[in-house]
Protein backbone atom coordinates (compact mmCIF):
# COMPACT_ATOMS: atom_id res chain seq x y z
CA UNK A 1 81.32 82.01 97.09
CA UNK A 2 85.07 81.71 97.45
CA UNK A 3 85.64 83.15 93.97
CA UNK A 4 83.58 86.22 94.90
CA UNK A 5 85.53 86.74 98.12
CA UNK A 6 88.79 86.32 96.21
CA UNK A 7 87.74 88.91 93.64
CA UNK A 8 86.78 91.39 96.32
CA UNK A 9 89.62 91.12 98.77
CA UNK A 10 92.49 89.18 97.17
CA UNK A 11 92.18 86.34 99.66
CA UNK A 12 92.61 83.32 97.40
CA UNK A 13 93.97 80.77 99.86
CA UNK A 14 91.83 81.97 102.76
CA UNK A 15 88.63 81.72 100.71
CA UNK A 16 89.46 78.16 99.65
CA UNK A 17 90.27 77.04 103.19
CA UNK A 18 87.08 78.57 104.60
CA UNK A 19 84.84 76.84 102.05
CA UNK A 20 86.59 73.48 102.44
CA UNK A 21 86.28 73.68 106.22
CA UNK A 22 82.61 74.69 106.02
CA UNK A 23 81.68 71.87 103.65
CA UNK A 24 84.10 69.26 104.94
CA UNK A 25 84.76 68.14 101.35
CA UNK A 26 88.47 68.01 100.54
CA UNK A 27 87.72 67.19 96.89
CA UNK A 28 86.74 70.84 96.38
CA UNK A 29 90.28 72.19 96.73
CA UNK A 30 91.35 71.97 93.07
CA UNK A 31 88.11 73.37 91.55
CA UNK A 32 88.04 76.14 94.16
CA UNK A 33 91.67 77.07 93.52
CA UNK A 34 90.95 77.22 89.81
CA UNK A 35 87.83 79.38 90.28
CA UNK A 36 89.62 81.68 92.74
CA UNK A 37 92.65 82.06 90.47
CA UNK A 38 90.42 82.99 87.52
CA UNK A 39 88.49 85.43 89.70
CA UNK A 40 91.68 87.08 90.95
CA UNK A 41 93.06 87.32 87.42
CA UNK A 42 89.90 89.00 86.14
CA UNK A 43 89.89 91.41 89.08
CA UNK A 44 93.54 92.24 88.40
CA UNK A 45 92.69 93.10 84.78
CA UNK A 46 89.86 95.40 85.91
CA UNK A 47 91.32 96.91 89.08
CA UNK A 48 95.01 97.06 89.89
CA UNK A 49 94.38 97.52 93.62
CA UNK A 50 91.95 95.95 96.08
CA UNK A 51 88.72 97.60 97.18
CA UNK A 52 90.23 98.15 100.62
CA UNK A 53 92.98 100.27 99.08
CA UNK A 54 90.37 102.22 97.12
CA UNK A 55 88.61 103.05 100.40
CA UNK A 56 91.90 104.29 101.88
CA UNK A 57 92.46 106.52 98.85
CA UNK A 58 88.99 108.03 99.32
CA UNK A 59 89.95 109.28 102.77
CA UNK A 60 93.16 110.62 101.20
CA UNK A 61 95.68 108.24 102.71
CA UNK A 62 98.47 107.96 100.17
CA UNK A 63 99.35 104.42 99.15
CA UNK A 64 102.54 104.11 97.13
CA UNK A 65 102.27 100.39 96.50
CA UNK A 66 99.85 97.95 98.02
CA UNK A 67 102.42 95.37 99.11
CA UNK A 68 105.32 97.68 99.91
CA UNK A 69 106.02 98.67 103.51
CA UNK A 70 108.00 101.85 104.00
CA UNK A 71 109.04 102.07 107.65
CA UNK A 72 109.52 105.84 107.35
CA UNK A 73 105.89 106.36 106.30
CA UNK A 74 104.12 104.20 108.85
CA UNK A 75 100.84 105.77 109.93
CA UNK A 76 99.69 105.13 113.49
CA UNK A 77 96.07 104.62 114.51
CA UNK A 78 95.93 107.95 116.34
CA UNK A 79 96.96 109.75 113.12
CA UNK A 80 94.24 107.99 111.11
CA UNK A 81 91.65 109.01 113.70
CA UNK A 82 92.69 112.64 113.24
CA UNK A 83 92.43 112.37 109.42
CA UNK A 84 88.93 110.84 109.55
CA UNK A 85 87.58 113.38 112.03
């Protein structure tokens, strides 16, 4: 389950923590980290960006780089509402 979430949303550490907290088994950390790392690596070979970024591109919001923040191109919520409508 955590490997699937990691592949979808690039949330490796979060997925591991959620599963360990749900099961209460701390012995799962290393196998989960391995599975999540493999899942993220495979996703990175197939898709260079996350599915959330793909959705933003579909509504024509330009994304230069997924992890880069350009303070001159910050889009406010009111502007996104205008683009969607």
